[in-house]
Amino acid sequence: MEKIGMGRVEKYLKKKILEDGAVHLTLIDPEKTNPKNAEKVCVEAEKAGTGAILLGGSTLGSTSHLDSVAEQIKKSVSIPLILFPGNLTGVTRFADAMFFMSLLNSLNPYFFIDVQALASSTVKMYNIEPIPLGYIIMGSGGAAGFVGYARPIPYNRAEIAARYALAAQYLGMRFVYLEAGSGAEKPVPPEVISTVRREADKVVLVVGGGIRDGKTAEKAVKAGANIIVTGTIVEKTDSVGKKLNEIVGRIRRNV
């Protein structure tokens, strides 16, 4: 029996973490853009040094639109395109990999295991590389928390987040994502990140939500984050390259 191990994209991310100290990922919500605008943002993001493109959203309904956006991105950049699906509609054959994630603090088993089971045959058929990830929603939770029936973990209860993350590590998930929610007013605090990092010391720690500048990203990396995800800033600024240059530059100082 062939042993299941890391695929090409996961190896690429881990190599970049070793080389650069941390990796930045640009999140594109296909529901909030069109193929041409997505292409423009992703080209600028790649020039700024982002490590990969994440594609997905919590309320996406059209798979055909997702296909169009994903195909256009793939034609435009050389960095990996990784799916960040909120549901079955978030899977497209044009991606290199996907965060095959379980929403650990959901009240609904659909988001913990059922949707993964439903999507698994499609992921295999499209030959998309699955990257096992434990997804933990923090703070207010945003749309992801609402749609995913999550019990968001309060920022003042870092030890709870740490236990969920350690459980993910023991279950064999190689990545853990602390999510504050798209457009969150407050990002995951550094003290929460450091607490989770101490407990779940073997996983790649991803942090996203509410990170809008280099200083905030740098603090997250210093606290133990390996990957920083930003999405809202590329939707709400005309100078995407300049903003991402600042963030990427700050997190790379922590090698």
Protein backbone atom coordinates (compact mmCIF):
# COMPACT_ATOMS: atom_id res chain seq x y z
CA MET A 1 0.00 0.00 0.00
CA GLU A 2 1.40 3.40 -0.99
CA LYS A 3 1.95 5.72 1.97
CA ILE A 4 0.12 9.04 1.80
CA GLY A 5 2.56 11.90 2.20
CA MET A 6 3.19 15.50 1.26
CA GLY A 7 2.46 16.61 -2.27
CA ARG A 8 4.29 19.11 -4.43
CA VAL A 9 2.49 22.24 -3.18
CA GLU A 10 2.81 21.33 0.49
CA LYS A 11 6.54 20.69 0.01
CA TYR A 12 6.83 24.04 -1.77
CA LEU A 13 5.15 25.91 1.12
CA LYS A 14 7.31 24.23 3.75
CA LYS A 15 10.46 24.95 1.77
CA LYS A 16 9.52 28.63 1.51
CA ILE A 17 8.89 28.76 5.26
CA LEU A 18 12.38 27.39 5.87
CA GLU A 19 13.95 29.81 3.40
CA ASP A 20 11.96 32.98 4.14
CA GLY A 21 10.86 32.48 7.74
CA ALA A 22 7.18 32.88 6.84
CA VAL A 23 4.97 32.85 3.76
CA HIS A 24 2.27 35.26 2.64
CA LEU A 25 -0.82 34.01 0.81
CA THR A 26 -3.24 36.27 -1.08
CA LEU A 27 -6.88 35.28 -0.67
CA ILE A 28 -9.25 35.90 -3.59
CA ASP A 29 -13.00 35.59 -3.00
CA PRO A 30 -14.42 34.67 -6.44
CA GLU A 31 -17.85 35.95 -5.43
CA LYS A 32 -16.42 39.47 -5.06
CA THR A 33 -14.52 39.69 -8.33
CA ASN A 34 -14.45 38.72 -11.99
CA PRO A 35 -11.77 36.82 -13.93
CA LYS A 36 -10.00 39.92 -15.27
CA ASN A 37 -9.86 41.72 -11.92
CA ALA A 38 -8.69 38.53 -10.21
CA GLU A 39 -5.94 38.20 -12.79
CA LYS A 40 -4.78 41.77 -12.18
CA VAL A 41 -4.64 41.32 -8.40
CA CYS A 42 -2.85 37.98 -8.61
CA VAL A 43 -0.21 39.26 -11.03
CA GLU A 44 0.53 42.18 -8.67
CA ALA A 45 0.55 39.83 -5.69
CA GLU A 46 3.07 37.50 -7.32
CA LYS A 47 5.35 40.44 -8.14
CA ALA A 48 5.10 41.57 -4.51
CA GLY A 49 6.33 38.18 -3.30
CA THR A 50 3.17 36.39 -2.19
CA GLY A 51 3.84 32.66 -2.01
CA ALA A 52 0.58 31.34 -3.42
CA ILE A 53 -2.98 32.32 -4.24
CA LEU A 54 -5.87 31.11 -2.08
CA LEU A 55 -9.21 30.96 -3.85
CA GLY A 56 -12.48 30.63 -1.97
CA GLY A 57 -15.22 32.21 0.08
CA SER A 58 -17.92 31.36 2.59
CA THR A 59 -20.98 32.08 0.43
CA LEU A 60 -19.96 31.14 -3.12
CA GLY A 61 -22.86 29.70 -5.12
CA SER A 62 -21.68 29.43 -8.74
CA THR A 63 -19.21 26.72 -9.73
CA SER A 64 -19.06 28.01 -13.31
CA HIS A 65 -17.96 31.44 -12.09
CA LEU A 66 -15.35 29.79 -9.85
CA ASP A 67 -14.05 27.85 -12.86
CA SER A 68 -13.73 31.05 -14.89
CA VAL A 69 -11.85 32.90 -12.16
CA ALA A 70 -9.58 29.95 -11.37
CA GLU A 71 -8.74 29.31 -15.03
CA GLN A 72 -7.83 32.96 -15.58
CA ILE A 73 -5.60 33.01 -12.50
CA LYS A 74 -3.81 29.82 -13.57
CA LYS A 75 -3.02 31.37 -16.96
CA SER A 76 -1.57 34.49 -15.34
CA VAL A 77 0.74 33.39 -12.50
CA SER A 78 3.35 30.72 -11.87
CA ILE A 79 2.80 30.38 -8.12
CA PRO A 80 0.41 27.67 -6.86
CA LEU A 81 -3.37 28.14 -6.81
CA ILE A 82 -4.80 26.63 -3.62
CA LEU A 83 -8.51 26.21 -3.00
CA PHE A 84 -9.97 27.48 0.27
CA PRO A 85 -13.51 26.11 -0.08
CA GLY A 86 -16.46 26.99 2.11
CA ASN A 87 -18.64 24.27 0.60
CA LEU A 88 -18.93 21.82 -2.30
CA THR A 89 -19.26 24.74 -4.70
CA GLY A 90 -15.69 25.75 -3.87
CA VAL A 91 -14.02 22.92 -5.83
CA THR A 92 -12.64 23.48 -9.34
CA ARG A 93 -10.44 21.36 -11.59
CA PHE A 94 -8.18 24.35 -12.36
CA ALA A 95 -6.50 24.38 -8.93
CA ASP A 96 -3.15 22.86 -7.96
CA ALA A 97 -4.12 22.01 -4.39
CA MET A 98 -6.72 22.66 -1.74
CA PHE A 99 -6.81 23.12 1.99
CA PHE A 100 -8.78 19.96 2.76
CA MET A 101 -10.06 21.35 6.00
CA SER A 102 -12.27 20.38 8.88
CA LEU A 103 -13.99 23.16 10.83
CA LEU A 104 -13.06 21.88 14.26
CA ASN A 105 -15.31 24.11 16.37
CA SER A 106 -18.47 23.74 14.29
CA LEU A 107 -21.69 22.57 15.88
CA ASN A 108 -22.69 20.96 12.58
CA PRO A 109 -21.01 17.67 11.59
CA TYR A 110 -21.52 18.66 7.94
CA PHE A 111 -18.60 21.09 8.22
CA PHE A 112 -16.55 18.76 10.39
CA ILE A 113 -16.61 15.65 8.13
CA ASP A 114 -19.71 15.31 5.92
CA VAL A 115 -18.84 17.89 3.26
CA GLN A 116 -15.30 16.50 3.12
CA ALA A 117 -16.69 13.03 2.41
CA LEU A 118 -18.97 14.42 -0.31
CA ALA A 119 -16.08 16.31 -1.94
CA SER A 120 -13.44 13.59 -1.68
CA SER A 121 -14.25 11.74 -4.91
CA THR A 122 -14.26 15.01 -6.88
CA VAL A 123 -10.90 16.01 -5.43
CA LYS A 124 -9.49 12.63 -6.45
CA MET A 125 -11.04 12.79 -9.94
CA TYR A 126 -9.59 16.27 -10.58
CA ASN A 127 -6.21 15.19 -9.14
CA ILE A 128 -6.16 18.15 -6.74
CA GLU A 129 -3.53 17.87 -4.04
CA PRO A 130 -5.26 17.78 -0.61
CA ILE A 131 -3.46 19.53 2.24
CA PRO A 132 -4.97 18.36 5.58
CA LEU A 133 -5.89 21.36 7.73
CA GLY A 134 -7.68 21.97 11.00
CA TYR A 135 -9.76 25.15 10.76
CA ILE A 136 -10.46 27.06 13.98
CA ILE A 137 -12.68 30.15 13.99
CA MET A 138 -11.79 32.82 16.52
CA GLY A 139 -13.25 36.06 17.86
CA SER A 140 -16.40 37.27 16.13
CA GLY A 141 -16.05 34.64 13.40
CA GLY A 142 -17.48 36.70 10.55
CA ALA A 143 -19.32 35.07 7.65
CA ALA A 144 -17.27 31.87 7.92
CA GLY A 145 -18.40 31.42 11.51
CA PHE A 146 -22.04 32.11 10.71
CA VAL A 147 -22.21 29.85 7.67
CA GLY A 148 -20.18 27.11 9.36
CA TYR A 149 -22.29 26.97 12.57
CA ALA A 150 -19.14 27.66 14.56
CA ARG A 151 -18.71 28.44 18.22
CA PRO A 152 -16.00 31.10 17.80
CA ILE A 153 -13.33 30.86 20.48
CA PRO A 154 -12.96 34.14 22.43
CA TYR A 155 -9.60 35.83 22.20
CA ASN A 156 -9.25 35.73 25.98
CA ARG A 157 -9.43 31.91 25.98
CA ALA A 158 -6.24 31.09 24.10
CA GLU A 159 -5.88 27.79 25.93
CA ILE A 160 -9.06 26.48 24.27
CA ALA A 161 -7.73 27.29 20.81
CA ALA A 162 -4.44 25.61 21.75
CA ARG A 163 -6.22 22.40 22.72
CA TYR A 164 -8.16 22.30 19.46
CA ALA A 165 -4.92 22.86 17.56
CA LEU A 166 -3.11 20.11 19.47
CA ALA A 167 -6.01 17.74 18.83
CA ALA A 168 -5.69 18.55 15.11
CA GLN A 169 -1.98 17.73 15.29
CA TYR A 170 -2.67 14.42 17.00
CA LEU A 171 -5.31 13.60 14.37
CA GLY A 172 -2.66 13.96 11.70
CA MET A 173 -3.57 17.36 10.30
CA ARG A 174 -0.35 19.00 9.17
CA PHE A 175 -1.73 22.56 9.01
CA VAL A 176 -3.86 24.54 11.50
CA TYR A 177 -5.60 27.78 10.51
CA LEU A 178 -6.61 30.38 13.12
CA GLU A 179 -9.34 32.42 11.42
CA ALA A 180 -10.60 35.76 12.71
CA GLY A 181 -13.02 36.08 9.79
CA SER A 182 -12.96 38.08 6.59
CA GLY A 183 -12.85 41.79 7.32
CA ALA A 184 -12.55 41.21 11.07
CA GLU A 185 -12.13 44.36 13.15
CA LYS A 186 -9.48 42.69 15.30
CA PRO A 187 -6.97 40.06 14.11
CA VAL A 188 -6.02 37.04 16.18
CA PRO A 189 -3.86 38.52 19.01
CA PRO A 190 -0.16 37.60 19.19
CA GLU A 191 -0.61 36.11 22.65
CA VAL A 192 -3.20 33.66 21.27
CA ILE A 193 -0.90 32.71 18.41
CA SER A 194 2.04 32.11 20.75
CA THR A 195 -0.09 29.96 23.09
CA VAL A 196 -1.27 27.81 20.19
CA ARG A 197 2.28 27.59 18.83
CA ARG A 198 3.64 26.29 22.13
CA GLU A 199 1.08 23.50 22.31
CA ALA A 200 0.77 22.51 18.64
CA ASP A 201 4.47 22.60 17.91
CA LYS A 202 4.53 20.29 14.87
CA VAL A 203 1.93 21.90 12.59
CA VAL A 204 2.25 24.68 10.04
CA LEU A 205 0.35 27.52 11.71
CA VAL A 206 -1.74 29.70 9.39
CA VAL A 207 -3.28 32.98 10.61
CA GLY A 208 -5.78 35.15 8.76
CA GLY A 209 -8.51 37.72 9.21
CA GLY A 210 -8.14 41.38 10.12
CA ILE A 211 -4.50 41.68 9.03
CA ARG A 212 -4.25 44.92 7.08
CA ASP A 213 -0.65 46.08 7.45
CA GLY A 214 2.92 44.89 7.75
CA LYS A 215 3.22 45.64 11.46
CA THR A 216 0.29 43.37 12.35
CA ALA A 217 1.60 40.61 10.07
CA GLU A 218 5.06 40.89 11.60
CA LYS A 219 3.69 40.56 15.13
CA ALA A 220 1.79 37.42 14.12
CA VAL A 221 4.94 35.85 12.65
CA LYS A 222 7.02 36.75 15.70
CA ALA A 223 4.36 35.06 17.84
CA GLY A 224 4.67 31.83 15.84
CA ALA A 225 2.63 32.06 12.63
CA ASN A 226 4.21 30.35 9.62
CA ILE A 227 1.73 31.59 7.02
CA ILE A 228 -0.11 34.92 6.88
CA VAL A 229 -3.28 35.24 4.82
CA THR A 230 -4.74 38.56 3.68
CA GLY A 231 -7.83 39.04 1.56
CA THR A 232 -9.86 42.14 2.38
CA ILE A 233 -6.99 44.55 1.68
CA VAL A 234 -6.70 43.36 -1.93
CA GLU A 235 -10.42 44.00 -2.37
CA LYS A 236 -10.38 47.48 -0.86
CA THR A 237 -7.21 49.13 -2.12
CA ASP A 238 -6.08 50.28 -5.55
CA SER A 239 -2.39 49.91 -4.64
CA VAL A 240 -2.38 46.15 -4.10
CA GLY A 241 1.29 45.73 -5.00
CA LYS A 242 2.45 48.45 -2.61
CA LYS A 243 0.43 47.11 0.31
CA LEU A 244 1.51 43.51 -0.24
CA ASN A 245 5.15 44.57 -0.68
CA GLU A 246 4.99 46.10 2.79
CA ILE A 247 3.47 42.99 4.38
CA VAL A 248 5.76 40.50 2.64
CA GLY A 249 8.80 42.60 3.48
CA ARG A 250 7.91 42.80 7.17
CA ILE A 251 7.29 39.09 7.64
CA ARG A 252 10.51 38.13 5.83
CA ARG A 253 12.53 40.14 8.35
CA ASN A 254 11.84 37.44 10.90
CA VAL A 255 13.98 34.71 9.29
